[in-house]
Amino acid sequence: MLERPDVVLTLIPLLAVSGLATRMLIVMTGIGTSLLAAPLAPVGYGAALALVFLELLAWPAAERLGGFL
């Protein structure tokens, strides 16, 4: 059975690669220009970092404090 830490550890690399995968998909299909696809690469890294900070700040602290956060 999957628990929350397992899901979070799986989501971190998936989110980090999602920006690059989206950028590659747009560039390969020829629908977007490189100007459109350029800012998409760091978006995945930012989403992964946001997930890490959210889990560090909200999840363990909320369990320790009894749900006050």
PDB file of N, CA and C in Angstrom:
ATOM      1  N   MET A   1       0.838  -1.169   0.000  1.00  0.00           N
ATOM      2  CA  MET A   1       0.000   0.000   0.000  1.00  0.00           C
ATOM      3  C   MET A   1       0.894   1.246   0.000  1.00  0.00           C
ATOM      4  N   LEU A   2       0.555   2.187  -0.846  1.00  0.00           N
ATOM      5  CA  LEU A   2       1.329   3.424  -0.931  1.00  0.00           C
ATOM      6  C   LEU A   2       0.927   4.379   0.189  1.00  0.00           C
ATOM      7  N   GLU A   3       1.932   4.967   0.797  1.00  0.00           N
ATOM      8  CA  GLU A   3       1.677   5.970   1.814  1.00  0.00           C
ATOM      9  C   GLU A   3       2.108   7.332   1.289  1.00  0.00           C
ATOM     10  N   ARG A   4       1.770   8.360   2.019  1.00  0.00           N
ATOM     11  CA  ARG A   4       2.036   9.729   1.568  1.00  0.00           C
ATOM     12  C   ARG A   4       3.504   9.996   1.240  1.00  0.00           C
ATOM     13  N   PRO A   5       4.468   9.576   2.070  1.00  0.00           N
ATOM     14  CA  PRO A   5       5.871   9.828   1.714  1.00  0.00           C
ATOM     15  C   PRO A   5       6.286   9.167   0.401  1.00  0.00           C
ATOM     16  N   ASP A   6       5.744   7.988   0.124  1.00  0.00           N
ATOM     17  CA  ASP A   6       6.060   7.320  -1.134  1.00  0.00           C
ATOM     18  C   ASP A   6       5.547   8.110  -2.329  1.00  0.00           C
ATOM     19  N   VAL A   7       4.353   8.630  -2.208  1.00  0.00           N
ATOM     20  CA  VAL A   7       3.760   9.410  -3.299  1.00  0.00           C
ATOM     21  C   VAL A   7       4.535  10.707  -3.515  1.00  0.00           C
ATOM     22  N   VAL A   8       4.913  11.353  -2.427  1.00  0.00           N
ATOM     23  CA  VAL A   8       5.648  12.611  -2.542  1.00  0.00           C
ATOM     24  C   VAL A   8       7.010  12.370  -3.189  1.00  0.00           C
ATOM     25  N   LEU A   9       7.699  11.323  -2.773  1.00  0.00           N
ATOM     26  CA  LEU A   9       9.005  11.016  -3.356  1.00  0.00           C
ATOM     27  C   LEU A   9       8.892  10.627  -4.829  1.00  0.00           C
ATOM     28  N   THR A  10       7.763  10.102  -5.239  1.00  0.00           N
ATOM     29  CA  THR A  10       7.546   9.788  -6.650  1.00  0.00           C
ATOM     30  C   THR A  10       7.205  11.041  -7.447  1.00  0.00           C
ATOM     31  N   LEU A  11       6.464  11.948  -6.846  1.00  0.00           N
ATOM     32  CA  LEU A  11       6.045  13.164  -7.552  1.00  0.00           C
ATOM     33  C   LEU A  11       7.182  14.142  -7.806  1.00  0.00           C
ATOM     34  N   ILE A  12       8.176  14.184  -6.942  1.00  0.00           N
ATOM     35  CA  ILE A  12       9.250  15.172  -7.081  1.00  0.00           C
ATOM     36  C   ILE A  12       9.971  15.043  -8.421  1.00  0.00           C
ATOM     37  N   PRO A  13      10.495  13.866  -8.805  1.00  0.00           N
ATOM     38  CA  PRO A  13      11.153  13.798 -10.113  1.00  0.00           C
ATOM     39  C   PRO A  13      10.179  13.935 -11.284  1.00  0.00           C
ATOM     40  N   LEU A  14       8.941  13.471 -11.105  1.00  0.00           N
ATOM     41  CA  LEU A  14       7.962  13.616 -12.188  1.00  0.00           C
ATOM     42  C   LEU A  14       7.653  15.089 -12.454  1.00  0.00           C
ATOM     43  N   LEU A  15       7.514  15.868 -11.411  1.00  0.00           N
ATOM     44  CA  LEU A  15       7.277  17.299 -11.595  1.00  0.00           C
ATOM     45  C   LEU A  15       8.498  17.995 -12.195  1.00  0.00           C
ATOM     46  N   ALA A  16       9.685  17.584 -11.764  1.00  0.00           N
ATOM     47  CA  ALA A  16      10.898  18.208 -12.278  1.00  0.00           C
ATOM     48  C   ALA A  16      11.067  17.957 -13.770  1.00  0.00           C
ATOM     49  N   VAL A  17      10.668  16.798 -14.239  1.00  0.00           N
ATOM     50  CA  VAL A  17      10.819  16.459 -15.657  1.00  0.00           C
ATOM     51  C   VAL A  17       9.642  16.971 -16.478  1.00  0.00           C
ATOM     52  N   SER A  18       8.532  17.292 -15.848  1.00  0.00           N
ATOM     53  CA  SER A  18       7.341  17.676 -16.604  1.00  0.00           C
ATOM     54  C   SER A  18       7.542  18.946 -17.417  1.00  0.00           C
ATOM     55  N   GLY A  19       8.286  19.906 -16.884  1.00  0.00           N
ATOM     56  CA  GLY A  19       8.540  21.129 -17.644  1.00  0.00           C
ATOM     57  C   GLY A  19       9.371  20.852 -18.885  1.00  0.00           C
ATOM     58  N   LEU A  20      10.392  20.019 -18.743  1.00  0.00           N
ATOM     59  CA  LEU A  20      11.217  19.673 -19.905  1.00  0.00           C
ATOM     60  C   LEU A  20      10.431  18.855 -20.920  1.00  0.00           C
ATOM     61  N   ALA A  21       9.593  17.945 -20.438  1.00  0.00           N
ATOM     62  CA  ALA A  21       8.793  17.127 -21.355  1.00  0.00           C
ATOM     63  C   ALA A  21       7.787  17.983 -22.119  1.00  0.00           C
ATOM     64  N   THR A  22       7.173  18.931 -21.441  1.00  0.00           N
ATOM     65  CA  THR A  22       6.232  19.831 -22.112  1.00  0.00           C
ATOM     66  C   THR A  22       6.949  20.689 -23.141  1.00  0.00           C
ATOM     67  N   ARG A  23       8.109  21.177 -22.784  1.00  0.00           N
ATOM     68  CA  ARG A  23       8.890  21.987 -23.721  1.00  0.00           C
ATOM     69  C   ARG A  23       9.269  21.167 -24.948  1.00  0.00           C
ATOM     70  N   MET A  24       9.712  19.930 -24.742  1.00  0.00           N
ATOM     71  CA  MET A  24      10.111  19.085 -25.859  1.00  0.00           C
ATOM     72  C   MET A  24       8.910  18.765 -26.751  1.00  0.00           C
ATOM     73  N   LEU A  25       7.759  18.525 -26.149  1.00  0.00           N
ATOM     74  CA  LEU A  25       6.555  18.233 -26.923  1.00  0.00           C
ATOM     75  C   LEU A  25       6.150  19.415 -27.791  1.00  0.00           C
ATOM     76  N   ILE A  26       6.215  20.623 -27.237  1.00  0.00           N
ATOM     77  CA  ILE A  26       5.849  21.814 -28.014  1.00  0.00           C
ATOM     78  C   ILE A  26       6.840  22.043 -29.151  1.00  0.00           C
ATOM     79  N   VAL A  27       8.124  21.871 -28.869  1.00  0.00           N
ATOM     80  CA  VAL A  27       9.134  22.103 -29.901  1.00  0.00           C
ATOM     81  C   VAL A  27       9.045  21.050 -31.006  1.00  0.00           C
ATOM     82  N   MET A  28       8.821  19.784 -30.627  1.00  0.00           N
ATOM     83  CA  MET A  28       8.786  18.717 -31.630  1.00  0.00           C
ATOM     84  C   MET A  28       7.548  18.788 -32.511  1.00  0.00           C
ATOM     85  N   THR A  29       6.432  19.229 -31.984  1.00  0.00           N
ATOM     86  CA  THR A  29       5.229  19.310 -32.809  1.00  0.00           C
ATOM     87  C   THR A  29       5.232  20.528 -33.713  1.00  0.00           C
ATOM     88  N   GLY A  30       6.048  21.510 -33.386  1.00  0.00           N
ATOM     89  CA  GLY A  30       6.119  22.702 -34.217  1.00  0.00           C
ATOM     90  C   GLY A  30       4.984  23.669 -33.984  1.00  0.00           C
ATOM     91  N   ILE A  31       4.170  23.404 -32.964  1.00  0.00           N
ATOM     92  CA  ILE A  31       3.040  24.286 -32.699  1.00  0.00           C
ATOM     93  C   ILE A  31       3.518  25.585 -32.061  1.00  0.00           C
ATOM     94  N   GLY A  32       4.424  25.476 -31.113  1.00  0.00           N
ATOM     95  CA  GLY A  32       4.906  26.666 -30.411  1.00  0.00           C
ATOM     96  C   GLY A  32       6.263  27.081 -30.933  1.00  0.00           C
ATOM     97  N   THR A  33       6.640  28.265 -30.642  1.00  0.00           N
ATOM     98  CA  THR A  33       7.963  28.740 -31.004  1.00  0.00           C
ATOM     99  C   THR A  33       8.905  28.512 -29.835  1.00  0.00           C
ATOM    100  N   SER A  34      10.182  28.703 -30.062  1.00  0.00           N
ATOM    101  CA  SER A  34      11.133  28.525 -28.963  1.00  0.00           C
ATOM    102  C   SER A  34      10.927  29.586 -27.887  1.00  0.00           C
ATOM    103  N   LEU A  35      10.404  30.723 -28.280  1.00  0.00           N
ATOM    104  CA  LEU A  35      10.116  31.769 -27.295  1.00  0.00           C
ATOM    105  C   LEU A  35       8.999  31.325 -26.353  1.00  0.00           C
ATOM    106  N   LEU A  36       8.017  30.603 -26.880  1.00  0.00           N
ATOM    107  CA  LEU A  36       6.935  30.097 -26.045  1.00  0.00           C
ATOM    108  C   LEU A  36       7.421  28.960 -25.156  1.00  0.00           C
ATOM    109  N   ALA A  37       8.277  28.105 -25.674  1.00  0.00           N
ATOM    110  CA  ALA A  37       8.700  26.925 -24.932  1.00  0.00           C
ATOM    111  C   ALA A  37       9.827  27.213 -23.948  1.00  0.00           C
ATOM    112  N   ALA A  38      10.544  28.293 -24.100  1.00  0.00           N
ATOM    113  CA  ALA A  38      11.711  28.566 -23.258  1.00  0.00           C
ATOM    114  C   ALA A  38      11.378  28.647 -21.768  1.00  0.00           C
ATOM    115  N   PRO A  39      10.337  29.348 -21.344  1.00  0.00           N
ATOM    116  CA  PRO A  39      10.106  29.430 -19.902  1.00  0.00           C
ATOM    117  C   PRO A  39       9.475  28.176 -19.296  1.00  0.00           C
ATOM    118  N   LEU A  40       9.144  27.182 -20.091  1.00  0.00           N
ATOM    119  CA  LEU A  40       8.494  25.999 -19.546  1.00  0.00           C
ATOM    120  C   LEU A  40       9.469  25.068 -18.828  1.00  0.00           C
ATOM    121  N   ALA A  41      10.742  25.096 -19.159  1.00  0.00           N
ATOM    122  CA  ALA A  41      11.696  24.181 -18.528  1.00  0.00           C
ATOM    123  C   ALA A  41      11.820  24.432 -17.030  1.00  0.00           C
ATOM    124  N   PRO A  42      11.992  25.658 -16.571  1.00  0.00           N
ATOM    125  CA  PRO A  42      12.118  25.867 -15.127  1.00  0.00           C
ATOM    126  C   PRO A  42      10.805  25.723 -14.355  1.00  0.00           C
ATOM    127  N   VAL A  43       9.691  25.678 -15.048  1.00  0.00           N
ATOM    128  CA  VAL A  43       8.411  25.554 -14.357  1.00  0.00           C
ATOM    129  C   VAL A  43       8.324  24.210 -13.629  1.00  0.00           C
ATOM    130  N   GLY A  44       8.813  23.160 -14.249  1.00  0.00           N
ATOM    131  CA  GLY A  44       8.799  21.847 -13.600  1.00  0.00           C
ATOM    132  C   GLY A  44       9.674  21.817 -12.368  1.00  0.00           C
ATOM    133  N   TYR A  45      10.852  22.434 -12.463  1.00  0.00           N
ATOM    134  CA  TYR A  45      11.738  22.493 -11.303  1.00  0.00           C
ATOM    135  C   TYR A  45      11.112  23.314 -10.188  1.00  0.00           C
ATOM    136  N   GLY A  46      10.455  24.391 -10.547  1.00  0.00           N
ATOM    137  CA  GLY A  46       9.778  25.221  -9.548  1.00  0.00           C
ATOM    138  C   GLY A  46       8.629  24.485  -8.875  1.00  0.00           C
ATOM    139  N   ALA A  47       7.886  23.698  -9.660  1.00  0.00           N
ATOM    140  CA  ALA A  47       6.786  22.926  -9.078  1.00  0.00           C
ATOM    141  C   ALA A  47       7.309  21.860  -8.122  1.00  0.00           C
ATOM    142  N   ALA A  48       8.417  21.208  -8.488  1.00  0.00           N
ATOM    143  CA  ALA A  48       9.005  20.207  -7.596  1.00  0.00           C
ATOM    144  C   ALA A  48       9.515  20.863  -6.314  1.00  0.00           C
ATOM    145  N   LEU A  49      10.138  22.010  -6.439  1.00  0.00           N
ATOM    146  CA  LEU A  49      10.636  22.720  -5.265  1.00  0.00           C
ATOM    147  C   LEU A  49       9.484  23.194  -4.379  1.00  0.00           C
ATOM    148  N   ALA A  50       8.414  23.646  -4.998  1.00  0.00           N
ATOM    149  CA  ALA A  50       7.242  24.075  -4.230  1.00  0.00           C
ATOM    150  C   ALA A  50       6.628  22.894  -3.475  1.00  0.00           C
ATOM    151  N   LEU A  51       6.599  21.721  -4.101  1.00  0.00           N
ATOM    152  CA  LEU A  51       6.079  20.531  -3.432  1.00  0.00           C
ATOM    153  C   LEU A  51       6.947  20.163  -2.235  1.00  0.00           C
ATOM    154  N   VAL A  52       8.254  20.250  -2.395  1.00  0.00           N
ATOM    155  CA  VAL A  52       9.160  19.938  -1.287  1.00  0.00           C
ATOM    156  C   VAL A  52       8.932  20.906  -0.133  1.00  0.00           C
ATOM    157  N   PHE A  53       8.868  22.210  -0.423  1.00  0.00           N
ATOM    158  CA  PHE A  53       8.645  23.185   0.637  1.00  0.00           C
ATOM    159  C   PHE A  53       7.277  23.009   1.287  1.00  0.00           C
ATOM    160  N   LEU A  54       6.275  22.708   0.486  1.00  0.00           N
ATOM    161  CA  LEU A  54       4.937  22.495   1.033  1.00  0.00           C
ATOM    162  C   LEU A  54       4.931  21.307   1.978  1.00  0.00           C
ATOM    163  N   GLU A  55       5.563  20.231   1.585  1.00  0.00           N
ATOM    164  CA  GLU A  55       5.604  19.055   2.443  1.00  0.00           C
ATOM    165  C   GLU A  55       6.444  19.291   3.689  1.00  0.00           C
ATOM    166  N   LEU A  56       7.544  20.017   3.547  1.00  0.00           N
ATOM    167  CA  LEU A  56       8.380  20.290   4.715  1.00  0.00           C
ATOM    168  C   LEU A  56       7.689  21.210   5.709  1.00  0.00           C
ATOM    169  N   LEU A  57       6.949  22.177   5.203  1.00  0.00           N
ATOM    170  CA  LEU A  57       6.331  23.155   6.089  1.00  0.00           C
ATOM    171  C   LEU A  57       4.957  22.731   6.595  1.00  0.00           C
ATOM    172  N   ALA A  58       4.192  22.078   5.777  1.00  0.00           N
ATOM    173  CA  ALA A  58       2.807  21.807   6.148  1.00  0.00           C
ATOM    174  C   ALA A  58       2.581  20.413   6.711  1.00  0.00           C
ATOM    175  N   TRP A  59       3.090  19.394   6.051  1.00  0.00           N
ATOM    176  CA  TRP A  59       2.694  18.045   6.437  1.00  0.00           C
ATOM    177  C   TRP A  59       3.258  17.588   7.775  1.00  0.00           C
ATOM    178  N   PRO A  60       4.577  17.574   7.992  1.00  0.00           N
ATOM    179  CA  PRO A  60       5.064  17.082   9.289  1.00  0.00           C
ATOM    180  C   PRO A  60       4.685  18.003  10.453  1.00  0.00           C
ATOM    181  N   ALA A  61       4.714  19.294  10.201  1.00  0.00           N
ATOM    182  CA  ALA A  61       4.373  20.233  11.267  1.00  0.00           C
ATOM    183  C   ALA A  61       2.906  20.086  11.651  1.00  0.00           C
ATOM    184  N   ALA A  62       2.052  19.868  10.681  1.00  0.00           N
ATOM    185  CA  ALA A  62       0.628  19.711  10.967  1.00  0.00           C
ATOM    186  C   ALA A  62       0.379  18.453  11.798  1.00  0.00           C
ATOM    187  N   GLU A  63       1.121  17.392  11.519  1.00  0.00           N
ATOM    188  CA  GLU A  63       0.950  16.178  12.314  1.00  0.00           C
ATOM    189  C   GLU A  63       1.468  16.373  13.735  1.00  0.00           C
ATOM    190  N   ARG A  64       2.582  17.063  13.884  1.00  0.00           N
ATOM    191  CA  ARG A  64       3.155  17.286  15.207  1.00  0.00           C
ATOM    192  C   ARG A  64       2.281  18.204  16.058  1.00  0.00           C
ATOM    193  N   LEU A  65       1.692  19.194  15.433  1.00  0.00           N
ATOM    194  CA  LEU A  65       0.875  20.158  16.170  1.00  0.00           C
ATOM    195  C   LEU A  65      -0.581  19.736  16.333  1.00  0.00           C
ATOM    196  N   GLY A  66      -0.923  18.616  15.766  1.00  0.00           N
ATOM    197  CA  GLY A  66      -2.296  18.137  15.907  1.00  0.00           C
ATOM    198  C   GLY A  66      -3.277  18.788  14.956  1.00  0.00           C
ATOM    199  N   GLY A  67      -2.802  19.282  13.813  1.00  0.00           N
ATOM    200  CA  GLY A  67      -3.693  19.824  12.803  1.00  0.00           C
ATOM    201  C   GLY A  67      -4.001  21.308  12.949  1.00  0.00           C
ATOM    202  N   PHE A  68      -3.179  22.049  13.666  1.00  0.00           N
ATOM    203  CA  PHE A  68      -3.429  23.477  13.818  1.00  0.00           C
ATOM    204  C   PHE A  68      -3.020  24.282  12.601  1.00  0.00           C
ATOM    205  N   LEU A  69      -2.194  23.729  11.708  1.00  0.00           N
ATOM    206  CA  LEU A  69      -1.765  24.474  10.521  1.00  0.00           C
ATOM    207  C   LEU A  69      -2.715  24.270   9.395  1.00  0.00           C
TER     208      LEU A  69
END
